[in-house]
Protein backbone atom coordinates (compact mmCIF):
# COMPACT_ATOMS: atom_id res chain seq x y z
CA MET A 1 -0.04 -0.12 0.06
CA GLU A 2 1.64 3.60 -1.12
CA PRO A 3 1.77 6.14 1.45
CA LYS A 4 -0.71 8.73 1.70
CA ARG A 5 0.70 11.69 -0.12
CA ARG A 6 1.09 15.01 1.87
CA LYS A 7 -0.45 17.92 0.57
CA GLN A 8 1.10 20.96 -0.16
CA ASN A 9 0.90 24.03 2.21
CA TRP A 10 -1.68 26.50 1.75
CA ASN A 11 -0.52 29.27 -0.63
CA PRO A 12 -1.83 33.04 0.36
CA ALA A 13 -4.48 33.27 -2.39
CA ALA A 14 -6.37 30.23 -1.14
CA LEU A 15 -6.23 31.36 2.63
CA GLY A 16 -7.33 34.58 1.70
CA VAL A 17 -10.29 33.45 0.07
CA LEU A 18 -11.15 30.90 2.98
CA ILE A 19 -10.65 34.10 5.14
CA VAL A 20 -13.05 36.08 2.89
CA GLY A 21 -15.59 33.31 2.69
CA VAL A 22 -15.86 32.55 6.46
CA GLU A 23 -15.93 36.23 7.07
CA LYS A 24 -19.05 37.12 4.65
CA ASN A 25 -20.86 34.10 6.00
CA TYR A 26 -19.82 33.78 10.01
CA GLY A 27 -23.32 34.32 11.39
CA ILE A 28 -24.77 31.58 9.45
CA LEU A 29 -21.27 29.05 10.25
CA LYS A 30 -21.37 30.15 13.78
CA GLY A 31 -25.10 30.53 14.43
CA LYS A 32 -27.43 28.34 16.21
CA LEU A 33 -29.04 25.56 14.46
CA SER A 34 -32.80 26.41 14.12
CA SER A 35 -35.63 25.84 11.73
CA SER A 36 -34.43 28.80 9.90
CA LEU A 37 -30.88 27.84 10.01
CA THR A 38 -30.32 24.23 8.97
CA ARG A 39 -27.27 21.98 8.98
CA SER A 40 -27.74 21.84 5.21
CA SER A 41 -27.41 25.75 5.10
CA LYS A 42 -24.13 25.65 6.93
CA ASP A 43 -23.02 22.72 4.91
CA GLY A 44 -23.88 24.66 2.03
CA VAL A 45 -21.85 27.49 2.83
CA TRP A 46 -18.70 25.50 3.52
CA GLU A 47 -19.34 23.58 0.08
CA ASN A 48 -19.42 27.23 -1.61
CA ILE A 49 -16.33 28.12 0.02
CA CYS A 50 -14.64 24.99 -0.44
CA THR A 51 -15.31 25.42 -4.36
CA LYS A 52 -13.62 29.08 -4.16
CA VAL A 53 -10.90 28.17 -2.22
CA ASN A 54 -10.06 25.23 -4.96
CA SER A 55 -10.11 27.74 -7.95
CA VAL A 56 -7.17 29.49 -6.55
CA SER A 57 -5.49 26.54 -4.98
CA SER A 58 -2.85 23.97 -6.41
CA GLU A 59 -4.29 21.21 -4.17
CA ASN A 60 -7.55 20.17 -4.04
CA ARG A 61 -9.16 20.65 -0.73
CA SER A 62 -11.87 18.96 0.81
CA ILE A 63 -14.56 20.53 2.84
CA GLU A 64 -13.12 19.13 6.14
CA ASP A 65 -9.63 20.18 4.85
CA ILE A 66 -10.79 23.87 4.84
CA LYS A 67 -12.66 23.67 8.15
CA LYS A 68 -9.43 22.22 9.90
CA LYS A 69 -7.55 25.11 8.32
CA TRP A 70 -9.89 27.68 9.80
CA SER A 71 -9.85 25.97 12.95
CA ASP A 72 -6.12 25.59 13.10
CA TYR A 73 -5.33 28.96 11.71
CA SER A 74 -7.77 30.99 14.08
CA SER A 75 -6.76 29.00 17.09
CA GLY A 76 -3.07 29.81 16.75
CA LEU A 77 -3.94 33.40 15.97
CA LYS A 78 -5.97 33.39 19.44
CA LYS A 79 -2.69 32.42 21.35
CA LYS A 80 -0.60 34.74 19.07
CA GLU A 81 -2.98 37.70 20.13
CA GLY A 82 -3.32 36.98 23.59
CA ALA A 83 0.45 36.57 24.14
CA ARG A 84 0.73 39.75 21.82
CA ARG A 85 -1.68 41.93 24.11
CA ARG A 86 -0.06 40.51 27.45
CA GLU A 87 3.22 42.02 26.10
CA MET A 88 1.55 45.41 25.22
CA THR A 89 0.54 45.54 28.80
CA GLY A 90 3.78 44.32 30.63
CA GLY A 91 5.97 46.91 29.09
CA GLY A 92 9.23 46.29 27.24
CA ASP A 93 9.76 46.16 23.72
CA ALA A 94 6.27 46.57 21.48
CA PRO A 95 5.22 43.17 20.11
CA PRO A 96 5.19 42.93 16.19
CA ASP A 97 1.84 43.90 14.34
CA LEU A 98 -0.37 41.59 12.85
CA THR A 99 -0.52 41.47 9.10
CA ASP A 100 -3.59 42.46 7.74
CA MET A 101 -4.71 38.80 7.07
CA GLU A 102 -4.20 37.94 10.59
CA GLN A 103 -6.09 41.13 11.73
CA LYS A 104 -9.13 40.30 9.42
CA VAL A 105 -9.56 37.02 11.23
CA ILE A 106 -8.99 38.66 14.65
CA ASN A 107 -11.55 40.80 13.74
CA ILE A 108 -13.91 37.83 12.43
CA ILE A 109 -13.83 35.80 16.16
CA GLY A 110 -13.72 38.89 18.13
CA ASP A 111 -12.33 40.17 21.23
CA VAL A 112 -14.35 37.45 23.50
CA ALA A 113 -12.45 34.73 21.65
CA ILE A 114 -9.46 36.08 22.45
CA ASP A 115 -9.82 37.55 25.94
CA GLY A 116 -12.32 34.77 27.28
CA VAL A 117 -10.62 31.50 25.97
CA ILE A 118 -7.06 32.34 24.69
CA GLY A 119 -5.66 29.25 23.13
CA GLY A 120 -9.29 27.82 22.39
CA ILE A 121 -10.01 26.07 19.13
CA ASP A 122 -12.54 27.59 16.91
CA THR A 123 -14.71 24.54 15.88
CA MET A 124 -17.86 26.74 14.78
CA ASP A 125 -19.61 25.26 17.58
CA TYR A 126 -22.03 27.69 19.00
CA THR A 127 -20.64 28.43 22.89
CA CYS A 128 -21.28 32.06 23.68
CA THR A 129 -23.09 34.53 25.93
CA PRO A 130 -26.68 35.24 25.54
CA ASN A 131 -25.94 38.46 23.91
CA THR A 132 -23.31 37.12 21.51
CA LYS A 133 -25.93 34.32 20.78
CA LYS A 134 -28.42 36.88 19.85
CA SER A 135 -26.02 38.92 17.92
CA ALA A 136 -25.19 35.96 16.01
CA LYS A 137 -28.51 34.75 15.19
CA VAL A 138 -29.60 38.40 13.64
CA SER A 139 -26.36 38.14 11.80
CA ALA A 140 -27.55 34.61 10.77
CA ASN A 141 -31.00 36.02 9.67
CA GLU A 142 -29.50 38.97 7.85
CA GLU A 143 -27.30 36.51 5.53
CA LEU A 144 -30.23 34.34 4.93
CA LEU A 145 -32.57 37.37 3.85
CA SER A 146 -29.72 38.72 1.72
CA ILE A 147 -29.63 35.22 0.17
CA GLU A 148 -33.33 35.50 -0.59
CA ARG A 149 -33.21 38.89 -1.97
CA GLU A 150 -30.65 37.82 -4.30
CA ARG A 151 -32.87 34.68 -5.13
CA LEU A 152 -35.82 36.84 -6.06
CA LEU A 153 -34.03 39.40 -7.57
CA THR A 154 -32.64 36.51 -10.08
CA GLU A 155 -36.11 35.28 -10.55
CA LYS A 156 -37.34 38.71 -11.39
CA GLU A 157 -34.70 39.15 -13.80
CA ARG A 158 -35.47 35.47 -15.18
CA LEU A 159 -39.52 36.36 -15.44
CA LEU A 160 -38.46 39.66 -17.34
CA ILE A 161 -36.23 37.61 -19.92
CA GLU A 162 -39.29 35.15 -20.36
CA LYS A 163 -41.85 38.18 -20.65
CA GLU A 164 -39.52 39.62 -23.49
CA ASN A 165 -39.02 36.23 -25.16
CA MET A 166 -42.96 36.08 -25.07
CA LYS A 167 -43.14 39.39 -26.92
CA ILE A 168 -40.77 38.40 -29.62
CA ASN A 169 -42.66 35.06 -30.01
CA LYS A 170 -46.13 36.83 -30.42
CA GLU A 171 -44.53 39.02 -32.81
CA ARG A 172 -43.11 36.25 -34.71
CA LEU A 173 -46.37 34.91 -34.80
CA GLU A 174 -47.97 37.95 -36.14
CA VAL A 175 -45.74 37.86 -38.81
CA GLU A 176 -46.19 34.13 -39.63
CA LYS A 177 -50.16 34.82 -39.24
CA GLU A 178 -49.97 37.56 -42.02
CA ARG A 179 -47.67 35.33 -44.22
CA LEU A 180 -50.44 32.74 -44.23
CA ASN A 181 -53.07 35.12 -44.69
CA LEU A 182 -51.17 36.32 -47.85
CA ALA A 183 -50.71 32.98 -49.11
CA LYS A 184 -54.43 32.28 -48.42
CA ARG A 185 -55.32 35.33 -50.68
CA LYS A 186 -53.06 34.45 -53.18
CA TYR A 187 -54.59 30.87 -53.63
CA SER A 188 -58.07 32.24 -53.47
CA VAL A 189 -57.30 34.23 -56.23
CA ARG A 190 -55.57 31.39 -58.52
CA SER A 191 -58.75 29.05 -57.58
CA HIS A 192 -61.18 31.26 -58.97
CA TYR A 193 -58.89 31.98 -62.04
CA THR A 194 -61.11 29.90 -64.69
CA PHE A 195 -60.82 28.93 -68.45
CA ASP A 196 -63.33 32.05 -69.24
CA ASP A 197 -61.10 34.24 -67.75
CA GLU A 198 -58.24 33.03 -69.81
CA ILE A 199 -60.55 33.72 -72.87
CA GLU A 200 -61.61 37.22 -72.10
CA MET A 201 -57.80 37.84 -71.05
CA PHE A 202 -56.52 36.51 -74.43
CA PRO A 203 -59.69 36.53 -76.84
CA MET A 204 -59.43 34.06 -79.82
CA VAL A 205 -58.66 35.87 -83.14
């Protein structure tokens, strides 16, 4: 049995796409399951993020791969940021600043995750205070409403296109109807054209 091939490290582009995907859908991914927020909704979001990640990745990542990457990366940043903040309050040399990408992740997970559970792992399980729970629920509902608005907009555009097609088809039918009427009139004229008509038109000398 051949040994399992180790996948290549994540490139910055793929990691950036992952972070942006989680940022845009954090309310859904972090939200508590309910009648309006199902496991299928969450899985669909992860699948969409995974597709976008693979579009810029040299490796084909699975959904489990990107979930693990987010968990490991955010967990490592919690430890790093927690230590950095302790150094800032303890005097001495100023700790190095976070990169833009790292700061984006810190903004996503929030101060509660940094100060409250330093070193914890963000597995997207919902464990937070009532206020945070309410905020995440509102955010999830806003995400779902945004998705529904986009769906309705797409449906509206589709109906407009169908309406335009119906108008074109109606005009085409009108033209076809006129053509058939013209052909019918020509046939009617020919059917009434008799031998007597020929004699009148071309009298015998």
